[in-house]
Amino acid sequence: MKRESVIFTFSGQFVVDSFLAFARHRAARLDMPLAILSSDETAISLAVEGQVDLVDAFEMACSLGPHDCIVLEAESSTATPELFEHRNERMNQ
């Protein structure tokens, strides 16, 4: 299966800890590495790497977000696999 590395920037209104916990959980369920690039109350940038369909599922889940966050827009761009060498995070690590 084809794999891809993608940076997602979600814009909206966030409870940062809640959204990041949600994203970590979804990435772990999809068995994808997650890199948190930046986060504040109005924008969160994350990178993931995995099979194309699973990356799409991650984007959809995060676009819906946790109940206390409002995602207004999701933008994506290509990430380099090297991004994950130093910033790799998984649930419970």
Foldseek 3Di string as FASTA:
>chain_A
DDKFKKKKKWFFFDPFVQLVVQLQVLCQVLVWWKFWDDDDGTMTIMMIMDDPVSVVVSVVSSCVTDPVTHTDDMDMDGDDPVVCPPGTDHPPD
